[in-house]
PDB file of N, CA and C in Angstrom:
ATOM      1  N   UNK A   1      13.055  -2.744 -33.788  1.00  0.00           N
ATOM      2  CA  UNK A   1      11.943  -1.979 -33.365  1.00  0.00           C
ATOM      3  C   UNK A   1      11.049  -2.757 -32.523  1.00  0.00           C
ATOM      4  N   UNK A   2      10.674  -4.014 -32.883  1.00  0.00           N
ATOM      5  CA  UNK A   2       9.882  -4.746 -32.126  1.00  0.00           C
ATOM      6  C   UNK A   2      10.465  -4.906 -30.576  1.00  0.00           C
ATOM      7  N   UNK A   3      11.946  -5.231 -30.494  1.00  0.00           N
ATOM      8  CA  UNK A   3      12.442  -5.550 -29.421  1.00  0.00           C
ATOM      9  C   UNK A   3      12.634  -4.278 -28.460  1.00  0.00           C
ATOM     10  N   UNK A   4      12.478  -3.003 -28.994  1.00  0.00           N
ATOM     11  CA  UNK A   4      12.308  -1.646 -28.278  1.00  0.00           C
ATOM     12  C   UNK A   4      10.930  -1.513 -27.518  1.00  0.00           C
ATOM     13  N   UNK A   5       9.941  -1.958 -28.355  1.00  0.00           N
ATOM     14  CA  UNK A   5       8.566  -1.746 -27.988  1.00  0.00           C
ATOM     15  C   UNK A   5       8.400  -2.796 -26.701  1.00  0.00           C
ATOM     16  N   UNK A   6       8.828  -4.003 -26.940  1.00  0.00           N
ATOM     17  CA  UNK A   6       8.586  -5.009 -25.976  1.00  0.00           C
ATOM     18  C   UNK A   6       9.285  -4.506 -24.639  1.00  0.00           C
ATOM     19  N   UNK A   7      10.526  -4.257 -24.862  1.00  0.00           N
ATOM     20  CA  UNK A   7      11.431  -3.664 -23.647  1.00  0.00           C
ATOM     21  C   UNK A   7      10.695  -2.428 -22.851  1.00  0.00           C
ATOM     22  N   UNK A   8      10.228  -1.625 -23.612  1.00  0.00           N
ATOM     23  CA  UNK A   8       9.380  -0.663 -23.005  1.00  0.00           C
ATOM     24  C   UNK A   8       8.206  -0.954 -22.320  1.00  0.00           C
ATOM     25  N   UNK A   9       7.527  -1.811 -22.866  1.00  0.00           N
ATOM     26  CA  UNK A   9       6.098  -2.357 -22.188  1.00  0.00           C
ATOM     27  C   UNK A   9       6.651  -3.120 -21.055  1.00  0.00           C
ATOM     28  N   UNK A  10       7.743  -3.880 -20.876  1.00  0.00           N
ATOM     29  CA  UNK A  10       7.998  -4.419 -19.845  1.00  0.00           C
ATOM     30  C   UNK A  10       8.440  -3.653 -18.709  1.00  0.00           C
ATOM     31  N   UNK A  11       9.126  -2.554 -19.052  1.00  0.00           N
ATOM     32  CA  UNK A  11       9.490  -1.635 -18.059  1.00  0.00           C
ATOM     33  C   UNK A  11       8.326  -0.961 -17.447  1.00  0.00           C
ATOM     34  N   UNK A  12       7.380  -0.510 -18.272  1.00  0.00           N
ATOM     35  CA  UNK A  12       6.364   0.139 -17.746  1.00  0.00           C
ATOM     36  C   UNK A  12       5.409  -0.763 -16.898  1.00  0.00           C
ATOM     37  N   UNK A  13       5.317  -1.999 -17.261  1.00  0.00           N
ATOM     38  CA  UNK A  13       4.623  -3.080 -16.492  1.00  0.00           C
ATOM     39  C   UNK A  13       5.227  -3.381 -15.034  1.00  0.00           C
ATOM     40  N   UNK A  14       6.523  -3.276 -15.085  1.00  0.00           N
ATOM     41  CA  UNK A  14       7.359  -3.509 -13.797  1.00  0.00           C
ATOM     42  C   UNK A  14       6.992  -2.212 -12.944  1.00  0.00           C
ATOM     43  N   UNK A  15       7.235  -1.129 -13.495  1.00  0.00           N
ATOM     44  CA  UNK A  15       6.981   0.033 -12.677  1.00  0.00           C
ATOM     45  C   UNK A  15       5.650   0.102 -12.063  1.00  0.00           C
ATOM     46  N   UNK A  16       4.551  -0.312 -12.783  1.00  0.00           N
ATOM     47  CA  UNK A  16       3.207  -0.233 -12.281  1.00  0.00           C
ATOM     48  C   UNK A  16       3.082  -1.422 -11.183  1.00  0.00           C
ATOM     49  N   UNK A  17       3.722  -2.544 -11.378  1.00  0.00           N
ATOM     50  CA  UNK A  17       3.688  -3.606 -10.382  1.00  0.00           C
ATOM     51  C   UNK A  17       4.475  -3.153  -9.057  1.00  0.00           C
ATOM     52  N   UNK A  18       5.460  -2.393  -9.075  1.00  0.00           N
ATOM     53  CA  UNK A  18       6.066  -1.781  -7.998  1.00  0.00           C
ATOM     54  C   UNK A  18       5.602  -0.942  -7.194  1.00  0.00           C
ATOM     55  N   UNK A  19       4.730   0.024  -7.898  1.00  0.00           N
ATOM     56  CA  UNK A  19       3.780   1.066  -7.355  1.00  0.00           C
ATOM     57  C   UNK A  19       2.619   0.467  -6.761  1.00  0.00           C
ATOM     58  N   UNK A  20       2.011  -0.509  -7.372  1.00  0.00           N
ATOM     59  CA  UNK A  20       0.822  -1.023  -6.712  1.00  0.00           C
ATOM     60  C   UNK A  20       1.058  -1.820  -5.657  1.00  0.00           C
ATOM     61  N   UNK A  21       2.304  -2.382  -5.575  1.00  0.00           N
ATOM     62  CA  UNK A  21       2.625  -3.467  -4.473  1.00  0.00           C
ATOM     63  C   UNK A  21       3.053  -2.621  -3.253  1.00  0.00           C
ATOM     64  N   UNK A  22       3.299  -1.336  -3.278  1.00  0.00           N
ATOM     65  CA  UNK A  22       3.560  -0.439  -2.122  1.00  0.00           C
ATOM     66  C   UNK A  22       2.621  -0.479  -1.153  1.00  0.00           C
ATOM     67  N   UNK A  23       1.396  -0.297  -1.491  1.00  0.00           N
ATOM     68  CA  UNK A  23       0.209  -0.189  -0.412  1.00  0.00           C
ATOM     69  C   UNK A  23      -0.506  -1.571  -0.318  1.00  0.00           C
ATOM     70  N   UNK A  24      -0.100  -2.594  -0.923  1.00  0.00           N
ATOM     71  CA  UNK A  24      -0.640  -3.824  -0.915  1.00  0.00           C
ATOM     72  C   UNK A  24      -0.129  -4.626  -0.021  1.00  0.00           C
ATOM     73  N   UNK A  25      -0.883  -5.446   0.689  1.00  0.00           N
ATOM     74  CA  UNK A  25      -0.262  -6.402   1.695  1.00  0.00           C
ATOM     75  C   UNK A  25      -0.096  -7.914   0.929  1.00  0.00           C
ATOM     76  N   UNK A  26       0.800  -8.651   1.500  1.00  0.00           N
ATOM     77  CA  UNK A  26       0.806  -9.984   0.969  1.00  0.00           C
ATOM     78  C   UNK A  26      -0.396 -10.773   1.285  1.00  0.00           C
ATOM     79  N   UNK A  27      -0.728 -11.760   0.312  1.00  0.00           N
ATOM     80  CA  UNK A  27      -1.964 -12.485   0.483  1.00  0.00           C
ATOM     81  C   UNK A  27      -2.365 -12.991   1.895  1.00  0.00           C
ATOM     82  N   UNK A  28      -1.303 -13.288   2.625  1.00  0.00           N
ATOM     83  CA  UNK A  28      -1.342 -13.961   3.859  1.00  0.00           C
ATOM     84  C   UNK A  28      -1.409 -13.144   5.091  1.00  0.00           C
ATOM     85  N   UNK A  29      -1.401 -11.852   4.669  1.00  0.00           N
ATOM     86  CA  UNK A  29      -1.183 -10.785   5.733  1.00  0.00           C
ATOM     87  C   UNK A  29      -2.039  -9.545   5.559  1.00  0.00           C
ATOM     88  N   UNK A  30      -2.725  -9.295   6.763  1.00  0.00           N
ATOM     89  CA  UNK A  30      -3.514  -7.777   6.842  1.00  0.00           C
ATOM     90  C   UNK A  30      -2.752  -6.972   7.588  1.00  0.00           C
ATOM     91  N   UNK A  31      -3.062  -5.564   7.496  1.00  0.00           N
ATOM     92  CA  UNK A  31      -2.657  -4.591   8.153  1.00  0.00           C
ATOM     93  C   UNK A  31      -3.494  -3.471   8.387  1.00  0.00           C
ATOM     94  N   UNK A  32      -3.112  -2.732   9.508  1.00  0.00           N
ATOM     95  CA  UNK A  32      -3.699  -1.233   9.576  1.00  0.00           C
ATOM     96  C   UNK A  32      -2.785  -0.302   9.871  1.00  0.00           C
ATOM     97  N   UNK A  33      -2.988   0.906   9.571  1.00  0.00           N
ATOM     98  CA  UNK A  33      -2.234   2.040   9.760  1.00  0.00           C
ATOM     99  C   UNK A  33      -3.046   3.128  10.299  1.00  0.00           C
ATOM    100  N   UNK A  34      -2.376   3.872  11.443  1.00  0.00           N
ATOM    101  CA  UNK A  34      -2.858   5.016  11.904  1.00  0.00           C
ATOM    102  C   UNK A  34      -1.931   6.126  11.755  1.00  0.00           C
ATOM    103  N   UNK A  35      -2.473   7.254  11.333  1.00  0.00           N
ATOM    104  CA  UNK A  35      -1.473   8.487  10.965  1.00  0.00           C
ATOM    105  C   UNK A  35      -1.699   9.397  12.047  1.00  0.00           C
ATOM    106  N   UNK A  36      -0.864   9.963  12.501  1.00  0.00           N
ATOM    107  CA  UNK A  36      -1.010  10.988  13.662  1.00  0.00           C
ATOM    108  C   UNK A  36      -0.418  12.215  13.000  1.00  0.00           C
ATOM    109  N   UNK A  37      -0.782  13.344  13.598  1.00  0.00           N
ATOM    110  CA  UNK A  37      -0.226  14.736  13.472  1.00  0.00           C
ATOM    111  C   UNK A  37       0.991  15.084  14.392  1.00  0.00           C
ATOM    112  N   UNK A  38       1.500  16.263  14.339  1.00  0.00           N
ATOM    113  CA  UNK A  38       2.736  16.469  15.135  1.00  0.00           C
ATOM    114  C   UNK A  38       2.314  16.426  16.558  1.00  0.00           C
ATOM    115  N   UNK A  39       1.265  16.883  17.060  1.00  0.00           N
ATOM    116  CA  UNK A  39       0.491  16.763  18.264  1.00  0.00           C
ATOM    117  C   UNK A  39       0.299  15.442  19.060  1.00  0.00           C
ATOM    118  N   UNK A  40       0.306  14.530  18.102  1.00  0.00           N
ATOM    119  CA  UNK A  40      -0.028  13.110  18.492  1.00  0.00           C
ATOM    120  C   UNK A  40      -1.492  12.684  18.311  1.00  0.00           C
ATOM    121  N   UNK A  41      -2.201  13.714  17.657  1.00  0.00           N
ATOM    122  CA  UNK A  41      -3.553  13.410  17.539  1.00  0.00           C
ATOM    123  C   UNK A  41      -3.862  12.387  16.170  1.00  0.00           C
ATOM    124  N   UNK A  42      -4.742  11.424  16.265  1.00  0.00           N
ATOM    125  CA  UNK A  42      -5.131  10.747  14.987  1.00  0.00           C
ATOM    126  C   UNK A  42      -5.821  11.466  13.952  1.00  0.00           C
ATOM    127  N   UNK A  43      -5.090  11.477  12.775  1.00  0.00           N
ATOM    128  CA  UNK A  43      -5.751  12.308  11.703  1.00  0.00           C
ATOM    129  C   UNK A  43      -6.047  11.241  10.403  1.00  0.00           C
ATOM    130  N   UNK A  44      -5.809  10.116  10.566  1.00  0.00           N
ATOM    131  CA  UNK A  44      -6.299   9.214   9.342  1.00  0.00           C
ATOM    132  C   UNK A  44      -5.756   7.886   9.547  1.00  0.00           C
ATOM    133  N   UNK A  45      -6.180   7.046   8.460  1.00  0.00           N
ATOM    134  CA  UNK A  45      -5.858   5.535   8.849  1.00  0.00           C
ATOM    135  C   UNK A  45      -6.133   4.867   7.481  1.00  0.00           C
ATOM    136  N   UNK A  46      -5.665   3.619   7.701  1.00  0.00           N
ATOM    137  CA  UNK A  46      -5.735   2.635   6.407  1.00  0.00           C
ATOM    138  C   UNK A  46      -5.940   1.240   6.918  1.00  0.00           C
ATOM    139  N   UNK A  47      -6.632   0.498   6.263  1.00  0.00           N
ATOM    140  CA  UNK A  47      -6.667  -0.971   6.443  1.00  0.00           C
ATOM    141  C   UNK A  47      -6.745  -1.721   5.137  1.00  0.00           C
ATOM    142  N   UNK A  48      -5.992  -2.733   5.257  1.00  0.00           N
ATOM    143  CA  UNK A  48      -5.955  -3.919   4.052  1.00  0.00           C
ATOM    144  C   UNK A  48      -6.460  -5.064   4.779  1.00  0.00           C
ATOM    145  N   UNK A  49      -7.502  -5.633   4.682  1.00  0.00           N
ATOM    146  CA  UNK A  49      -8.029  -6.887   5.443  1.00  0.00           C
ATOM    147  C   UNK A  49      -7.641  -8.130   4.626  1.00  0.00           C
ATOM    148  N   UNK A  50      -7.889  -9.203   5.226  1.00  0.00           N
ATOM    149  CA  UNK A  50      -7.423 -10.352   4.571  1.00  0.00           C
ATOM    150  C   UNK A  50      -8.350 -10.868   3.164  1.00  0.00           C
ATOM    151  N   UNK A  51      -9.513 -10.098   3.137  1.00  0.00           N
ATOM    152  CA  UNK A  51     -10.322 -10.329   1.883  1.00  0.00           C
ATOM    153  C   UNK A  51      -9.806  -9.634   0.762  1.00  0.00           C
ATOM    154  N   UNK A  52      -8.841  -8.815   0.794  1.00  0.00           N
ATOM    155  CA  UNK A  52      -8.219  -8.031  -0.201  1.00  0.00           C
ATOM    156  C   UNK A  52      -8.796  -6.649  -0.330  1.00  0.00           C
ATOM    157  N   UNK A  53      -9.663  -6.280   0.689  1.00  0.00           N
ATOM    158  CA  UNK A  53     -10.354  -5.041   0.640  1.00  0.00           C
ATOM    159  C   UNK A  53      -9.460  -3.875   1.126  1.00  0.00           C
ATOM    160  N   UNK A  54      -9.276  -2.614   0.576  1.00  0.00           N
ATOM    161  CA  UNK A  54      -8.431  -1.580   1.229  1.00  0.00           C
ATOM    162  C   UNK A  54      -9.343  -0.442   1.541  1.00  0.00           C
ATOM    163  N   UNK A  55      -9.131   0.202   2.730  1.00  0.00           N
ATOM    164  CA  UNK A  55     -10.013   1.257   3.193  1.00  0.00           C
ATOM    165  C   UNK A  55      -8.972   2.240   3.716  1.00  0.00           C
ATOM    166  N   UNK A  56      -9.042   3.544   3.224  1.00  0.00           N
ATOM    167  CA  UNK A  56      -8.359   4.642   3.685  1.00  0.00           C
ATOM    168  C   UNK A  56      -9.304   5.927   4.009  1.00  0.00           C
ATOM    169  N   UNK A  57      -8.669   6.626   4.817  1.00  0.00           N
ATOM    170  CA  UNK A  57      -9.597   7.809   5.400  1.00  0.00           C
ATOM    171  C   UNK A  57      -8.587   8.950   5.970  1.00  0.00           C
ATOM    172  N   UNK A  58      -9.018  10.105   5.870  1.00  0.00           N
ATOM    173  CA  UNK A  58      -8.165  11.281   6.623  1.00  0.00           C
ATOM    174  C   UNK A  58      -7.006  11.619   5.952  1.00  0.00           C
ATOM    175  N   UNK A  59      -6.129  12.016   6.534  1.00  0.00           N
ATOM    176  CA  UNK A  59      -4.563  12.418   5.995  1.00  0.00           C
ATOM    177  C   UNK A  59      -3.686  11.364   6.276  1.00  0.00           C
ATOM    178  N   UNK A  60      -2.728  11.328   5.299  1.00  0.00           N
ATOM    179  CA  UNK A  60      -1.624  10.664   5.469  1.00  0.00           C
ATOM    180  C   UNK A  60      -0.317  11.283   5.656  1.00  0.00           C
ATOM    181  N   UNK A  61       0.332  10.951   6.929  1.00  0.00           N
ATOM    182  CA  UNK A  61       1.504  11.893   7.496  1.00  0.00           C
ATOM    183  C   UNK A  61       2.621  10.941   7.527  1.00  0.00           C
ATOM    184  N   UNK A  62       3.672  11.475   7.855  1.00  0.00           N
ATOM    185  CA  UNK A  62       4.902  10.882   7.945  1.00  0.00           C
ATOM    186  C   UNK A  62       4.956  10.297   9.366  1.00  0.00           C
ATOM    187  N   UNK A  63       4.229  10.448  10.224  1.00  0.00           N
ATOM    188  CA  UNK A  63       4.125   9.931  11.544  1.00  0.00           C
ATOM    189  C   UNK A  63       2.970   8.843  11.564  1.00  0.00           C
ATOM    190  N   UNK A  64       3.404   7.696  11.820  1.00  0.00           N
ATOM    191  CA  UNK A  64       2.358   6.565  11.748  1.00  0.00           C
ATOM    192  C   UNK A  64       2.716   5.275  12.429  1.00  0.00           C
ATOM    193  N   UNK A  65       1.731   4.442  12.889  1.00  0.00           N
ATOM    194  CA  UNK A  65       1.967   3.209  13.358  1.00  0.00           C
ATOM    195  C   UNK A  65       1.405   2.104  12.625  1.00  0.00           C
ATOM    196  N   UNK A  66       1.963   1.099  12.271  1.00  0.00           N
ATOM    197  CA  UNK A  66       1.354   0.082  11.438  1.00  0.00           C
ATOM    198  C   UNK A  66       1.348  -1.232  12.290  1.00  0.00           C
ATOM    199  N   UNK A  67       0.167  -1.942  12.114  1.00  0.00           N
ATOM    200  CA  UNK A  67      -0.108  -3.325  12.942  1.00  0.00           C
ATOM    201  C   UNK A  67      -0.603  -4.471  11.772  1.00  0.00           C
ATOM    202  N   UNK A  68       0.167  -5.323  11.684  1.00  0.00           N
ATOM    203  CA  UNK A  68      -0.025  -6.513  11.123  1.00  0.00           C
ATOM    204  C   UNK A  68      -0.567  -7.764  11.635  1.00  0.00           C
ATOM    205  N   UNK A  69      -1.279  -8.591  10.901  1.00  0.00           N
ATOM    206  CA  UNK A  69      -1.755  -9.721  11.379  1.00  0.00           C
ATOM    207  C   UNK A  69      -1.759 -10.894  10.301  1.00  0.00           C
ATOM    208  N   UNK A  70      -1.608 -12.108  10.507  1.00  0.00           N
ATOM    209  CA  UNK A  70      -1.642 -13.135   9.665  1.00  0.00           C
ATOM    210  C   UNK A  70      -3.029 -13.620   9.444  1.00  0.00           C
ATOM    211  N   UNK A  71      -3.696 -13.811   8.154  1.00  0.00           N
ATOM    212  CA  UNK A  71      -4.722 -14.078   7.869  1.00  0.00           C
ATOM    213  C   UNK A  71      -4.825 -15.870   8.043  1.00  0.00           C
ATOM    214  N   UNK A  72      -5.942 -16.209   8.474  1.00  0.00           N
ATOM    215  CA  UNK A  72      -6.260 -17.666   8.538  1.00  0.00           C
ATOM    216  C   UNK A  72      -6.384 -18.254   7.158  1.00  0.00           C
TER     217      UNK A  72
END
């Protein structure tokens, strides 16, 4: 019984780590994303800076441009 509880907890933690890492940048990298609508107009954006702060605004669409940079 204890083995099943530990295995379940491990699976939940692994899933949470995977979901959290989808939007997080590596510690040595910052990025910004600009989201566009079908007409090419900017409708949203997101930035993860080198200090670990994440800012998101507007709509998230399937059409986007991502720019990355290396942190000093």
